[in-house]
Amino acid sequence: MILLGVGLQLWAYQAMAILKIEITKGIEAGVPIAIVPFGWQGEGKPPQDLAKIIGADLNRSGRFESLDKEDFLSRPYDQAGVKFKDWRLIKAEALAVGKVQRVGKDRYQVQFQLFDVFKGKQLAGYRYVIKAKQMRKVAHQISDIIYEKLTGEPGAFDTRIAYVTVEQRGSGQRRFLLQVADADGYEPVTVLDSGEPIMSPAWSPDGKRLAYVSFEKRRSMVYVQTLADGSRKRLADFRGLNSAPAWSPDGKRLALVLSRDGNPEIYILSPRSRQLRRLTHHHAIDTEPAWSPNGRHIVFTSDRSGKPQIYRISVGGGKPQRVTFEGEYNARASYAADGQSITLVSATKGRYRIAVLHLRRNTMHVLTQATLDESPSFAPNGRMILYATEQGGRGVLAAVSADGRVKQVLRFLKGDVREPAWSPYNRKF
């Protein structure tokens, strides 16, 4: 039986009950930043602790050290109350302050300011008028602003992740849940609930749709589902294998794997016109396509050299070129947003680890040390990689920075979690 989500907000769970984030390794000298608890003007308590969410975001990046609020000498909520000497004394280099005010029924004004403590000047200041359900999103947007102002690079906190959770229900039956959550794993939403496997979720470039593989009719089929209303279309239902969908950067085409002609090959499909074009022609298995950011090439996994390796082919066709030569096994490649590197699963002596291949230098950097890491997916800013791994016999999600210096685990307290995919930027309400 298949249950479709009819709107993302309807299926949200209480996040605190199902998630634990563990930072296992960080940069030793992160930028010390003081994030003052936001002032509150209204009855009761504010809907969310914005300072706590922002601090957790920045700490997870590994590039900041959020200072302990117990050490604060003052707790201003706007520029008028800021005494920079108070923050220099506790060695803060940056200071974030703000306040939340109820301005109507389910209407809140959020004000935020960021300061350079040593220069004594404001770096950013924003004001939002929002609903309660948008509080966490605003917190992530503020985190992105802080990250970009202090590092010069865009943040990726206001994004989402998709993944598959496998649960054992009371009857002993397994349920497969396609879920979407904030980039920090909070506010998960069930998009699809099925008694049969779900695989390979892939975000459309606009972040509004997911393509995925479902076995709900006891064979693989590719679907595209709109997240806002839960509507979906069956996109590939050919004879044989239908798998591994990947969106083109313009969102007009999908690369996927079909065995309709007898052998798994890479095809390109236009969802609107239903036009299908075969891209690879080889007796080996070609699978796991991913587009380059400029839309000109596709990388894929093939065992045409004897063992799985990464190849690249022009979208217009032609002879594929082998990309990976280091390691016994290289698979599941995808590009960073700048097109300068790819992340992949690389294996030696039966140990499957996440790696980054720098294309111009042709050098590979292995980032993880477990034995069964899989399904890597770059953050849209290219700074972090989300992947699936195992801990204590259970599937969990983990993230590692592209240089290997920051590591963390998103430990969901229910089910085995696998097949992660990081969304593109998603800045609108």
Protein backbone atom coordinates (compact mmCIF):
# COMPACT_ATOMS: atom_id res chain seq x y z
CA MET A 1 0.00 0.00 0.00
CA ILE A 2 1.30 3.46 -0.95
CA LEU A 3 0.49 6.58 1.04
CA LEU A 4 1.25 9.91 -0.59
CA GLY A 5 2.01 13.08 1.38
CA VAL A 6 -0.62 15.71 0.63
CA GLY A 7 1.44 18.65 1.78
CA LEU A 8 4.74 18.85 3.58
CA GLN A 9 3.54 20.60 6.71
CA LEU A 10 0.85 17.97 7.37
CA TRP A 11 3.40 15.22 7.89
CA ALA A 12 5.93 17.02 10.10
CA TYR A 13 7.03 15.19 13.23
CA GLN A 14 8.38 16.53 16.51
CA ALA A 15 12.03 16.70 15.55
CA MET A 16 13.55 16.63 19.01
CA ALA A 17 12.25 13.13 19.60
CA ILE A 18 13.97 11.48 16.65
CA LEU A 19 17.35 13.12 16.02
CA LYS A 20 20.69 13.47 17.72
CA ILE A 21 23.58 15.34 16.08
CA GLU A 22 27.12 14.41 17.06
CA ILE A 23 30.08 16.53 15.94
CA THR A 24 32.90 14.00 15.86
CA LYS A 25 35.63 16.23 14.45
CA GLY A 26 35.96 19.97 13.84
CA ILE A 27 38.47 22.63 12.90
CA GLU A 28 40.56 23.40 15.97
CA ALA A 29 40.62 27.17 15.47
CA GLY A 30 37.08 28.11 14.50
CA VAL A 31 36.09 31.79 14.54
CA PRO A 32 34.85 32.60 18.09
CA ILE A 33 31.38 34.12 17.81
CA ALA A 34 28.96 35.22 20.52
CA ILE A 35 25.31 34.61 19.68
CA VAL A 36 23.23 36.38 22.31
CA PRO A 37 19.82 34.89 23.20
CA PHE A 38 17.27 36.89 21.23
CA GLY A 39 15.11 39.33 23.15
CA TRP A 40 11.39 38.45 23.31
CA GLN A 41 8.43 40.80 23.37
CA GLY A 42 5.19 38.89 23.78
CA GLU A 43 3.26 36.57 26.06
CA GLY A 44 4.64 33.20 27.06
CA LYS A 45 7.72 31.94 25.24
CA PRO A 46 8.85 32.55 21.66
CA PRO A 47 8.04 29.72 19.19
CA GLN A 48 11.73 28.87 18.73
CA ASP A 49 15.08 29.62 20.36
CA LEU A 50 16.68 31.31 17.36
CA ALA A 51 20.08 31.80 18.98
CA LYS A 52 20.29 28.09 19.79
CA ILE A 53 19.49 27.08 16.21
CA ILE A 54 21.98 29.59 14.77
CA GLY A 55 24.71 28.45 17.16
CA ALA A 56 24.12 24.80 16.27
CA ASP A 57 24.29 25.61 12.55
CA LEU A 58 27.57 27.47 12.83
CA ASN A 59 29.13 24.87 15.12
CA ARG A 60 28.20 22.10 12.66
CA SER A 61 30.05 23.87 9.88
CA GLY A 62 33.26 23.39 11.88
CA ARG A 63 34.39 26.90 10.99
CA PHE A 64 33.02 28.65 14.08
CA GLU A 65 33.14 28.28 17.83
CA SER A 66 29.91 29.47 19.41
CA LEU A 67 30.88 30.88 22.81
CA ASP A 68 29.12 29.75 26.01
CA LYS A 69 26.35 32.19 26.94
CA GLU A 70 27.25 31.73 30.62
CA ASP A 71 30.44 33.70 29.89
CA PHE A 72 28.60 36.72 28.46
CA LEU A 73 29.10 39.94 30.43
CA SER A 74 25.95 41.48 28.94
CA ARG A 75 23.01 40.37 26.82
CA PRO A 76 22.02 43.13 24.40
CA TYR A 77 19.34 42.59 21.78
CA ASP A 78 20.17 45.55 19.52
CA GLN A 79 23.03 47.90 18.69
CA ALA A 80 22.10 50.43 21.39
CA GLY A 81 22.97 47.91 24.10
CA VAL A 82 26.24 46.64 22.60
CA LYS A 83 29.46 47.44 24.49
CA PHE A 84 32.23 46.03 22.35
CA LYS A 85 34.69 45.91 25.27
CA ASP A 86 32.47 43.27 26.93
CA TRP A 87 32.95 40.99 23.92
CA ARG A 88 36.65 41.68 23.44
CA LEU A 89 37.20 40.54 27.03
CA ILE A 90 35.82 37.06 26.25
CA LYS A 91 37.75 37.00 22.95
CA ALA A 92 34.72 37.06 20.66
CA GLU A 93 35.58 38.14 17.12
CA ALA A 94 31.97 38.42 15.98
CA LEU A 95 28.72 39.19 17.77
CA ALA A 96 25.14 38.40 16.75
CA VAL A 97 22.17 39.98 18.54
CA GLY A 98 18.47 40.12 17.84
CA LYS A 99 14.93 40.20 19.12
CA VAL A 100 11.55 38.65 18.37
CA GLN A 101 8.29 40.56 18.76
CA ARG A 102 4.74 39.32 18.38
CA VAL A 103 3.02 41.78 16.05
CA GLY A 104 -0.30 40.01 15.44
CA LYS A 105 -2.05 36.66 15.40
CA ASP A 106 0.64 34.19 14.34
CA ARG A 107 2.76 37.13 13.12
CA TYR A 108 6.24 37.82 14.46
CA GLN A 109 8.88 40.39 13.69
CA VAL A 110 12.47 39.11 13.87
CA GLN A 111 15.32 41.60 13.96
CA PHE A 112 18.95 40.54 13.66
CA GLN A 113 22.34 42.32 13.59
CA LEU A 114 25.89 41.04 13.13
CA PHE A 115 28.96 42.94 14.35
CA ASP A 116 32.72 42.81 13.93
CA VAL A 117 33.84 43.08 17.54
CA PHE A 118 37.38 44.36 16.96
CA LYS A 119 36.41 46.92 14.34
CA GLY A 120 33.32 47.88 16.32
CA LYS A 121 31.05 48.03 13.28
CA GLN A 122 27.93 46.37 11.96
CA LEU A 123 28.40 43.81 9.18
CA ALA A 124 24.75 42.93 8.54
CA GLY A 125 21.25 43.74 9.73
CA TYR A 126 17.90 42.25 8.67
CA ARG A 127 14.27 42.37 9.71
CA TYR A 128 11.66 39.69 8.92
CA VAL A 129 7.90 39.48 9.51
CA ILE A 130 6.92 35.81 9.55
CA LYS A 131 4.63 33.11 10.90
CA ALA A 132 5.60 30.78 13.73
CA LYS A 133 6.22 27.83 11.39
CA GLN A 134 8.86 29.91 9.57
CA MET A 135 11.02 30.52 12.64
CA ARG A 136 13.51 27.73 12.00
CA LYS A 137 13.84 28.76 8.36
CA VAL A 138 14.64 32.35 9.38
CA ALA A 139 17.23 31.03 11.84
CA HIS A 140 18.89 29.06 9.02
CA GLN A 141 18.82 32.13 6.79
CA ILE A 142 20.50 34.17 9.51
CA SER A 143 23.12 31.44 9.84
CA ASP A 144 23.75 31.69 6.09
CA ILE A 145 24.17 35.46 6.34
CA ILE A 146 26.67 35.13 9.20
CA TYR A 147 28.58 32.38 7.40
CA GLU A 148 28.88 34.39 4.19
CA LYS A 149 29.80 37.68 5.88
CA LEU A 150 32.56 36.06 7.92
CA THR A 151 33.95 33.55 5.39
CA GLY A 152 33.21 35.17 2.05
CA GLU A 153 31.42 31.99 0.89
CA PRO A 154 27.71 31.22 0.72
CA GLY A 155 26.25 29.13 3.51
CA ALA A 156 24.01 26.09 2.99
CA PHE A 157 21.98 25.98 6.20
CA ASP A 158 18.71 27.07 4.56
CA THR A 159 18.54 23.94 2.42
CA ARG A 160 16.96 20.51 2.77
CA ILE A 161 17.96 16.88 2.58
CA ALA A 162 16.05 13.90 1.22
CA TYR A 163 16.66 10.35 2.39
CA VAL A 164 15.06 6.93 2.77
CA THR A 165 14.21 5.53 6.22
CA VAL A 166 13.52 1.82 6.68
CA GLU A 167 11.35 1.03 9.72
CA GLN A 168 10.28 -2.26 11.28
CA ARG A 169 6.63 -1.96 12.21
CA GLY A 170 4.88 -3.91 14.97
CA SER A 171 3.82 -6.69 12.61
CA GLY A 172 7.43 -7.26 11.58
CA GLN A 173 6.77 -5.72 8.19
CA ARG A 174 9.31 -3.30 6.80
CA ARG A 175 8.17 0.15 5.69
CA PHE A 176 10.18 2.36 3.40
CA LEU A 177 9.75 6.11 3.94
CA LEU A 178 10.97 8.77 1.55
CA GLN A 179 11.54 11.77 3.78
CA VAL A 180 12.60 15.40 3.52
CA ALA A 181 14.07 17.47 6.37
CA ASP A 182 15.96 20.68 7.01
CA ALA A 183 19.68 20.44 6.31
CA ASP A 184 20.27 19.86 10.02
CA GLY A 185 17.87 16.89 9.99
CA TYR A 186 15.07 18.66 11.88
CA GLU A 187 11.39 18.93 10.91
CA PRO A 188 11.29 15.72 8.86
CA VAL A 189 8.38 15.18 6.49
CA THR A 190 7.27 11.88 4.97
CA VAL A 191 6.79 12.24 1.22
CA LEU A 192 6.05 8.58 0.45
CA ASP A 193 5.31 5.53 2.65
CA SER A 194 5.62 2.14 0.94
CA GLY A 195 5.93 -1.54 1.79
CA GLU A 196 8.40 -1.92 -1.10
CA PRO A 197 11.88 -0.40 -1.50
CA ILE A 198 12.44 3.24 -2.46
CA MET A 199 15.80 4.27 -3.88
CA SER A 200 17.84 7.08 -5.44
CA PRO A 201 16.00 10.31 -4.52
CA ALA A 202 17.16 13.19 -6.70
CA TRP A 203 16.24 16.88 -6.33
CA SER A 204 15.09 19.00 -9.23
CA PRO A 205 17.20 22.16 -9.62
CA ASP A 206 14.34 24.34 -8.33
CA GLY A 207 13.97 22.19 -5.19
CA LYS A 208 10.26 21.66 -5.83
CA ARG A 209 10.29 18.03 -7.02
CA LEU A 210 11.95 14.73 -6.26
CA ALA A 211 12.65 11.95 -8.73
CA TYR A 212 13.09 8.50 -7.22
CA VAL A 213 12.88 4.77 -7.88
CA SER A 214 10.00 2.79 -6.39
CA PHE A 215 9.42 -0.97 -6.40
CA GLU A 216 5.77 -0.70 -5.35
CA LYS A 217 4.62 -2.97 -8.18
CA ARG A 218 7.43 -5.43 -7.48
CA ARG A 219 9.65 -3.97 -10.18
CA SER A 220 11.61 -0.76 -10.55
CA MET A 221 9.92 2.36 -11.88
CA VAL A 222 10.98 6.01 -11.85
CA TYR A 223 8.58 8.62 -10.46
CA VAL A 224 8.66 12.40 -10.15
CA GLN A 225 6.79 13.89 -7.20
CA THR A 226 5.88 17.50 -6.47
CA LEU A 227 6.57 18.27 -2.82
CA ALA A 228 4.02 21.03 -2.32
CA ASP A 229 0.94 18.87 -2.95
CA GLY A 230 2.23 15.28 -3.10
CA SER A 231 1.17 14.77 -6.72
CA ARG A 232 3.38 12.49 -8.76
CA LYS A 233 3.86 11.03 -12.23
CA ARG A 234 5.35 7.74 -13.35
CA LEU A 235 8.20 8.76 -15.61
CA ALA A 236 9.90 5.49 -16.59
CA ASP A 237 8.10 2.16 -16.71
CA PHE A 238 10.02 0.37 -19.44
CA ARG A 239 10.68 -3.34 -19.66
CA GLY A 240 13.56 -4.33 -17.41
CA LEU A 241 15.50 -1.96 -15.16
CA ASN A 242 14.41 1.65 -14.55
CA SER A 243 16.77 3.36 -12.12
CA ALA A 244 19.18 6.12 -10.99
CA PRO A 245 17.39 9.32 -12.12
CA ALA A 246 19.48 12.51 -12.27
CA TRP A 247 18.22 15.98 -13.21
CA SER A 248 19.96 18.19 -15.75
CA PRO A 249 21.00 21.62 -14.35
CA ASP A 250 18.19 23.33 -16.28
CA GLY A 251 15.59 20.87 -14.99
CA LYS A 252 14.39 20.02 -18.50
CA ARG A 253 15.90 16.54 -18.80
CA LEU A 254 16.67 13.50 -16.71
CA ALA A 255 19.49 11.03 -17.13
CA LEU A 256 18.55 7.55 -16.01
CA VAL A 257 19.50 3.90 -16.38
CA LEU A 258 17.36 1.57 -18.47
CA SER A 259 17.82 -2.01 -19.63
CA ARG A 260 14.98 -1.87 -22.15
CA ASP A 261 17.38 -2.94 -24.90
CA GLY A 262 18.82 -5.79 -22.83
CA ASN A 263 21.76 -4.15 -21.06
CA PRO A 264 21.87 -1.36 -18.44
CA GLU A 265 22.73 1.82 -20.33
CA ILE A 266 22.52 5.59 -19.73
CA TYR A 267 19.59 7.36 -21.40
CA ILE A 268 18.38 10.96 -21.46
CA LEU A 269 14.66 11.57 -21.11
CA SER A 270 12.65 14.77 -21.56
CA PRO A 271 9.70 14.58 -19.11
CA ARG A 272 7.54 16.95 -21.14
CA SER A 273 7.98 15.53 -24.62
CA ARG A 274 8.72 11.98 -23.42
CA GLN A 275 11.58 11.96 -25.94
CA LEU A 276 14.15 9.29 -25.03
CA ARG A 277 17.73 9.10 -26.28
CA ARG A 278 20.29 6.42 -25.54
CA LEU A 279 23.67 7.87 -24.55
CA THR A 280 25.96 4.88 -23.89
CA HIS A 281 26.49 1.77 -26.02
CA HIS A 282 28.55 -0.98 -24.37
CA HIS A 283 28.11 -4.57 -23.27
CA ALA A 284 29.23 -3.63 -19.73
CA ILE A 285 26.94 -2.22 -17.01
CA ASP A 286 26.67 1.59 -17.17
CA THR A 287 24.86 3.18 -14.24
CA GLU A 288 24.67 6.06 -11.70
CA PRO A 289 24.70 9.10 -14.03
CA ALA A 290 25.30 12.65 -12.75
CA TRP A 291 25.37 15.90 -14.72
CA SER A 292 28.17 18.44 -14.75
CA PRO A 293 27.05 21.88 -13.49
CA ASN A 294 27.31 23.36 -17.01
CA GLY A 295 25.13 20.57 -18.41
CA ARG A 296 27.71 19.51 -21.00
CA HIS A 297 28.87 16.21 -19.55
CA ILE A 298 27.61 13.25 -17.54
CA VAL A 299 29.76 11.14 -15.26
CA PHE A 300 28.69 7.56 -14.64
CA THR A 301 29.84 4.25 -13.19
CA SER A 302 30.87 1.44 -15.54
CA ASP A 303 32.65 -1.88 -15.19
CA ARG A 304 33.82 -1.83 -18.81
CA SER A 305 37.43 -1.90 -17.60
CA GLY A 306 36.78 -4.97 -15.44
CA LYS A 307 35.82 -3.27 -12.16
CA PRO A 308 33.55 -0.28 -11.46
CA GLN A 309 35.21 3.04 -12.33
CA ILE A 310 34.02 6.54 -13.16
CA TYR A 311 33.70 7.65 -16.79
CA ARG A 312 32.66 10.91 -18.41
CA ILE A 313 30.75 11.38 -21.65
CA SER A 314 29.50 14.39 -23.58
CA VAL A 315 25.74 14.88 -23.36
CA GLY A 316 25.76 14.92 -27.15
CA GLY A 317 27.28 11.45 -27.22
CA GLY A 318 30.68 10.12 -28.28
CA LYS A 319 33.32 7.96 -26.67
CA PRO A 320 33.40 7.98 -22.85
CA GLN A 321 36.66 8.86 -21.11
CA ARG A 322 37.78 7.12 -17.95
CA VAL A 323 38.14 9.53 -15.03
CA THR A 324 39.31 7.39 -12.08
CA PHE A 325 42.41 5.22 -12.01
CA GLU A 326 43.29 5.14 -8.31
CA GLY A 327 41.67 2.42 -6.18
CA GLU A 328 40.08 -0.93 -6.94
CA TYR A 329 36.52 0.41 -7.07
CA ASN A 330 35.09 3.87 -7.70
CA ALA A 331 31.37 4.56 -8.03
CA ARG A 332 28.40 6.89 -7.31
CA ALA A 333 30.08 10.11 -8.49
CA SER A 334 28.52 13.58 -8.45
CA TYR A 335 29.87 17.06 -9.08
CA ALA A 336 30.56 19.96 -6.76
CA ALA A 337 28.74 23.14 -7.77
CA ASP A 338 31.90 24.68 -9.28
CA GLY A 339 32.53 21.64 -11.48
CA GLN A 340 36.13 21.39 -10.28
CA SER A 341 35.73 18.19 -8.26
CA ILE A 342 33.52 15.16 -7.82
CA THR A 343 32.67 13.14 -4.75
CA LEU A 344 32.47 9.36 -5.00
CA VAL A 345 32.68 6.07 -3.16
CA SER A 346 36.18 4.59 -3.41
CA ALA A 347 37.05 1.12 -2.17
CA THR A 348 40.30 -0.66 -1.44
CA LYS A 349 40.51 -4.10 0.19
CA GLY A 350 36.78 -4.14 0.85
CA ARG A 351 36.65 -0.80 2.67
CA TYR A 352 34.18 1.61 1.07
CA ARG A 353 34.93 5.25 1.84
CA ILE A 354 33.91 8.72 0.70
CA ALA A 355 36.48 10.54 -1.43
CA VAL A 356 36.87 13.70 -3.49
CA LEU A 357 38.60 13.69 -6.87
CA HIS A 358 40.05 17.06 -7.94
CA LEU A 359 39.62 16.96 -11.70
CA ARG A 360 42.28 19.44 -12.82
CA ARG A 361 44.97 18.04 -10.54
CA ASN A 362 43.71 14.47 -11.00
CA THR A 363 44.29 13.80 -7.29
CA MET A 364 42.00 11.87 -4.98
CA HIS A 365 41.52 12.64 -1.30
CA VAL A 366 39.87 9.95 0.86
CA LEU A 367 37.78 11.69 3.53
CA THR A 368 36.29 8.94 5.72
CA GLN A 369 37.63 5.86 7.48
CA ALA A 370 34.66 3.55 8.00
CA THR A 371 34.15 0.32 6.07
CA LEU A 372 30.76 0.92 4.44
CA ASP A 373 30.21 4.56 3.49
CA GLU A 374 27.99 5.24 0.49
CA SER A 375 25.73 7.65 -1.44
CA PRO A 376 27.74 10.90 -1.14
CA SER A 377 26.01 14.19 -2.00
CA PHE A 378 27.59 17.66 -2.05
CA ALA A 379 26.02 20.60 -0.26
CA PRO A 380 25.10 23.30 -2.80
CA ASN A 381 28.07 25.42 -1.69
CA GLY A 382 30.46 22.49 -2.11
CA ARG A 383 31.82 22.73 1.43
CA MET A 384 30.21 19.62 2.97
CA ILE A 385 29.32 16.13 1.75
CA LEU A 386 26.37 14.18 3.13
CA TYR A 387 26.55 10.39 2.99
CA ALA A 388 25.16 7.17 4.46
CA THR A 389 27.10 4.91 6.79
CA GLU A 390 26.59 2.34 9.55
CA GLN A 391 27.03 2.66 13.30
CA GLY A 392 26.08 -0.02 15.78
CA GLY A 393 24.49 -2.10 13.04
CA ARG A 394 22.14 0.71 11.97
CA GLY A 395 22.13 3.00 8.98
CA VAL A 396 22.76 6.66 9.84
CA LEU A 397 23.58 9.81 7.92
CA ALA A 398 26.90 11.56 8.32
CA ALA A 399 28.59 14.61 6.85
CA VAL A 400 32.22 15.47 6.17
CA SER A 401 33.78 18.66 4.90
CA ALA A 402 35.27 18.57 1.41
CA ASP A 403 38.74 18.79 2.97
CA GLY A 404 38.05 16.09 5.57
CA ARG A 405 38.62 18.37 8.58
CA VAL A 406 35.02 18.47 9.86
CA LYS A 407 32.89 15.39 10.58
CA GLN A 408 29.48 14.85 12.13
CA VAL A 409 26.78 12.22 12.46
CA LEU A 410 23.01 12.73 12.21
CA ARG A 411 21.70 9.88 14.33
CA PHE A 412 17.98 9.34 13.81
CA LEU A 413 16.54 7.43 16.76
CA LYS A 414 14.12 5.41 14.66
CA GLY A 415 14.83 3.22 11.62
CA ASP A 416 17.77 2.73 9.29
CA VAL A 417 18.53 5.82 7.21
CA ARG A 418 20.13 5.68 3.76
CA GLU A 419 20.23 7.19 0.24
CA PRO A 420 20.72 10.87 1.19
CA ALA A 421 20.52 13.73 -1.31
CA TRP A 422 21.26 17.39 -0.51
CA SER A 423 18.89 19.92 -2.07
CA PRO A 424 19.85 22.97 -4.12
CA TYR A 425 19.53 26.40 -2.50
CA ASN A 426 16.06 27.11 -1.16
CA ARG A 427 15.83 30.67 0.05
CA LYS A 428 12.16 31.50 -0.45
CA PHE A 429 9.35 30.93 2.06
